[in-house]
Amino acid sequence: MTYKEPDFDADRIPPNVIDHFYRSFLAFPGQAIVVENATPLPDVLEQARIVTFSGSGARPGFFPARPSTANRN
């Protein structure tokens, strides 16, 4: 077995493909869940309903938090 350094240029997605990916959801009639760390373009953000999972705050994660065991009877 040998190790080969990744070819980052070959693995990189062109920015226009990413832009079109996000814009394609603006015409999508249903709901979609996109797990991504990149922020969509401003025009997409203005038109789409986006829920950001931040790790804290109003929506900390995809699944609701479990109730605290201290609150159980």
N, C-alpha and C. Protein backbone atom coordinates (compact mmCIF):
# COMPACT_ATOMS: atom_id res chain seq x y z
N MET A 1 0.84 -1.16 0.00
CA MET A 1 0.00 0.00 0.00
C MET A 1 0.90 1.23 0.00
N THR A 2 0.52 2.21 -0.79
CA THR A 2 1.26 3.47 -0.83
C THR A 2 0.29 4.63 -0.65
N TYR A 3 0.82 5.76 -0.26
CA TYR A 3 0.02 6.97 -0.06
C TYR A 3 0.28 7.93 -1.21
N LYS A 4 -0.78 8.48 -1.76
CA LYS A 4 -0.65 9.47 -2.82
C LYS A 4 -1.30 10.76 -2.35
N GLU A 5 -0.60 11.87 -2.47
CA GLU A 5 -1.16 13.18 -2.13
C GLU A 5 -2.37 13.44 -3.02
N PRO A 6 -3.44 14.01 -2.47
CA PRO A 6 -4.61 14.31 -3.31
C PRO A 6 -4.31 15.38 -4.35
N ASP A 7 -4.95 15.25 -5.48
CA ASP A 7 -4.83 16.22 -6.55
C ASP A 7 -5.96 17.23 -6.38
N PHE A 8 -5.71 18.30 -5.63
CA PHE A 8 -6.75 19.25 -5.27
C PHE A 8 -7.36 19.94 -6.48
N ASP A 9 -6.60 20.20 -7.51
CA ASP A 9 -7.15 20.86 -8.68
C ASP A 9 -8.17 19.98 -9.39
N ALA A 10 -7.92 18.68 -9.45
CA ALA A 10 -8.84 17.76 -10.10
C ALA A 10 -10.11 17.55 -9.28
N ASP A 11 -10.01 17.68 -7.95
CA ASP A 11 -11.15 17.43 -7.07
C ASP A 11 -11.97 18.68 -6.79
N ARG A 12 -11.52 19.83 -7.17
CA ARG A 12 -12.20 21.09 -6.88
C ARG A 12 -13.38 21.29 -7.84
N ILE A 13 -14.53 21.66 -7.28
CA ILE A 13 -15.71 21.92 -8.08
C ILE A 13 -15.68 23.38 -8.50
N PRO A 14 -15.88 23.67 -9.77
CA PRO A 14 -15.86 25.06 -10.22
C PRO A 14 -16.96 25.88 -9.53
N PRO A 15 -16.68 27.13 -9.19
CA PRO A 15 -17.67 27.96 -8.49
C PRO A 15 -19.01 28.08 -9.22
N ASN A 16 -18.99 28.11 -10.55
CA ASN A 16 -20.27 28.26 -11.26
C ASN A 16 -21.17 27.03 -11.08
N VAL A 17 -20.59 25.86 -10.89
CA VAL A 17 -21.39 24.65 -10.63
C VAL A 17 -22.07 24.78 -9.27
N ILE A 18 -21.36 25.27 -8.29
CA ILE A 18 -21.93 25.45 -6.96
C ILE A 18 -23.04 26.49 -7.00
N ASP A 19 -22.83 27.59 -7.71
CA ASP A 19 -23.85 28.63 -7.84
C ASP A 19 -25.12 28.08 -8.48
N HIS A 20 -24.96 27.32 -9.56
CA HIS A 20 -26.12 26.74 -10.25
C HIS A 20 -26.81 25.70 -9.37
N PHE A 21 -26.06 24.99 -8.56
CA PHE A 21 -26.65 24.02 -7.63
C PHE A 21 -27.63 24.71 -6.69
N TYR A 22 -27.19 25.79 -6.05
CA TYR A 22 -28.08 26.51 -5.14
C TYR A 22 -29.25 27.15 -5.88
N ARG A 23 -29.01 27.74 -7.03
CA ARG A 23 -30.09 28.39 -7.78
C ARG A 23 -31.13 27.38 -8.27
N SER A 24 -30.71 26.16 -8.53
CA SER A 24 -31.66 25.14 -9.01
C SER A 24 -32.74 24.86 -7.97
N PHE A 25 -32.44 25.06 -6.71
CA PHE A 25 -33.44 24.81 -5.67
C PHE A 25 -34.51 25.90 -5.61
N LEU A 26 -34.24 27.07 -6.18
CA LEU A 26 -35.24 28.13 -6.17
C LEU A 26 -36.48 27.73 -6.97
N ALA A 27 -36.34 26.89 -7.98
CA ALA A 27 -37.46 26.42 -8.78
C ALA A 27 -37.99 25.07 -8.30
N PHE A 28 -37.36 24.47 -7.32
CA PHE A 28 -37.76 23.16 -6.81
C PHE A 28 -39.03 23.32 -5.97
N PRO A 29 -40.10 22.59 -6.28
CA PRO A 29 -41.37 22.80 -5.59
C PRO A 29 -41.45 22.18 -4.19
N GLY A 30 -40.53 21.31 -3.87
CA GLY A 30 -40.59 20.63 -2.59
C GLY A 30 -39.60 21.16 -1.58
N GLN A 31 -39.31 20.33 -0.60
CA GLN A 31 -38.35 20.67 0.44
C GLN A 31 -37.08 19.87 0.21
N ALA A 32 -35.95 20.48 0.44
CA ALA A 32 -34.67 19.80 0.27
C ALA A 32 -33.78 20.12 1.46
N ILE A 33 -32.98 19.18 1.85
CA ILE A 33 -32.03 19.38 2.93
C ILE A 33 -30.64 19.29 2.31
N VAL A 34 -29.89 20.38 2.43
CA VAL A 34 -28.55 20.44 1.88
C VAL A 34 -27.60 20.57 3.05
N VAL A 35 -26.70 19.62 3.17
CA VAL A 35 -25.69 19.67 4.23
C VAL A 35 -24.42 20.20 3.60
N GLU A 36 -24.10 21.43 3.92
CA GLU A 36 -22.98 22.10 3.27
C GLU A 36 -22.46 23.19 4.19
N ASN A 37 -21.20 23.47 4.10
CA ASN A 37 -20.60 24.54 4.90
C ASN A 37 -20.51 25.86 4.14
N ALA A 38 -20.75 25.83 2.85
CA ALA A 38 -20.66 27.05 2.05
C ALA A 38 -21.96 27.85 2.16
N THR A 39 -21.85 29.14 2.04
CA THR A 39 -23.01 30.02 2.08
C THR A 39 -23.48 30.29 0.66
N PRO A 40 -24.79 30.11 0.39
CA PRO A 40 -25.28 30.43 -0.95
C PRO A 40 -25.09 31.91 -1.27
N LEU A 41 -25.17 32.23 -2.55
CA LEU A 41 -25.03 33.61 -3.00
C LEU A 41 -26.14 34.48 -2.43
N PRO A 42 -25.89 35.80 -2.30
CA PRO A 42 -26.88 36.71 -1.71
C PRO A 42 -28.24 36.67 -2.40
N ASP A 43 -28.28 36.57 -3.74
CA ASP A 43 -29.58 36.54 -4.42
C ASP A 43 -30.37 35.28 -4.08
N VAL A 44 -29.68 34.17 -3.83
CA VAL A 44 -30.35 32.94 -3.42
C VAL A 44 -30.86 33.10 -1.98
N LEU A 45 -30.05 33.67 -1.12
CA LEU A 45 -30.45 33.88 0.27
C LEU A 45 -31.70 34.77 0.37
N GLU A 46 -31.82 35.74 -0.52
CA GLU A 46 -32.97 36.65 -0.51
C GLU A 46 -34.26 35.94 -0.92
N GLN A 47 -34.16 34.93 -1.77
CA GLN A 47 -35.36 34.28 -2.32
C GLN A 47 -35.74 32.98 -1.64
N ALA A 48 -34.82 32.35 -0.96
CA ALA A 48 -35.05 31.03 -0.39
C ALA A 48 -35.34 31.11 1.10
N ARG A 49 -36.03 30.10 1.60
CA ARG A 49 -36.21 29.95 3.05
C ARG A 49 -35.11 29.00 3.51
N ILE A 50 -34.15 29.52 4.23
CA ILE A 50 -32.99 28.74 4.64
C ILE A 50 -32.96 28.66 6.16
N VAL A 51 -32.80 27.46 6.68
CA VAL A 51 -32.65 27.24 8.11
C VAL A 51 -31.21 26.83 8.34
N THR A 52 -30.50 27.59 9.15
CA THR A 52 -29.10 27.31 9.44
C THR A 52 -28.99 26.65 10.79
N PHE A 53 -28.31 25.54 10.85
CA PHE A 53 -28.06 24.85 12.11
C PHE A 53 -26.71 25.32 12.62
N SER A 54 -26.73 26.00 13.74
CA SER A 54 -25.54 26.71 14.21
C SER A 54 -24.81 26.05 15.37
N GLY A 55 -25.38 25.02 15.96
CA GLY A 55 -24.76 24.42 17.13
C GLY A 55 -25.25 25.04 18.42
N SER A 56 -25.93 26.18 18.32
CA SER A 56 -26.52 26.83 19.49
C SER A 56 -27.61 27.77 18.99
N GLY A 57 -28.32 28.39 19.90
CA GLY A 57 -29.35 29.35 19.49
C GLY A 57 -30.68 28.68 19.22
N ALA A 58 -31.48 29.32 18.36
CA ALA A 58 -32.84 28.87 18.10
C ALA A 58 -32.90 27.50 17.42
N ARG A 59 -31.97 27.18 16.57
CA ARG A 59 -31.97 25.90 15.86
C ARG A 59 -30.58 25.28 15.92
N PRO A 60 -30.24 24.61 17.06
CA PRO A 60 -28.89 24.11 17.22
C PRO A 60 -28.54 22.90 16.37
N GLY A 61 -29.54 22.14 15.91
CA GLY A 61 -29.24 20.96 15.13
C GLY A 61 -30.42 20.50 14.31
N PHE A 62 -30.19 19.53 13.46
CA PHE A 62 -31.23 19.02 12.58
C PHE A 62 -32.36 18.38 13.37
N PHE A 63 -32.02 17.59 14.38
CA PHE A 63 -33.02 16.96 15.23
C PHE A 63 -33.24 17.82 16.46
N PRO A 64 -34.49 17.88 16.96
CA PRO A 64 -34.72 18.65 18.19
C PRO A 64 -33.91 18.07 19.35
N ALA A 65 -33.53 18.95 20.26
CA ALA A 65 -32.77 18.50 21.44
C ALA A 65 -33.65 17.61 22.29
N ARG A 66 -33.04 16.64 22.94
CA ARG A 66 -33.78 15.78 23.87
C ARG A 66 -34.15 16.58 25.11
N PRO A 67 -35.30 16.29 25.68
CA PRO A 67 -35.63 16.96 26.93
C PRO A 67 -34.63 16.59 28.01
N SER A 68 -34.36 17.52 28.87
CA SER A 68 -33.42 17.29 29.97
C SER A 68 -34.00 16.23 30.90
N THR A 69 -33.17 15.33 31.39
CA THR A 69 -33.63 14.32 32.33
C THR A 69 -34.01 14.93 33.66
N ALA A 70 -33.53 16.14 33.94
CA ALA A 70 -33.86 16.81 35.21
C ALA A 70 -35.31 17.26 35.23
N ASN A 71 -35.93 17.43 34.05
CA ASN A 71 -37.32 17.90 33.96
C ASN A 71 -38.32 16.76 33.99
N ARG A 72 -37.86 15.53 33.95
CA ARG A 72 -38.76 14.37 33.93
C ARG A 72 -39.21 14.03 35.35
N ASN A 73 -40.45 13.55 35.45
CA ASN A 73 -40.98 13.10 36.76
C ASN A 73 -40.74 11.64 36.96
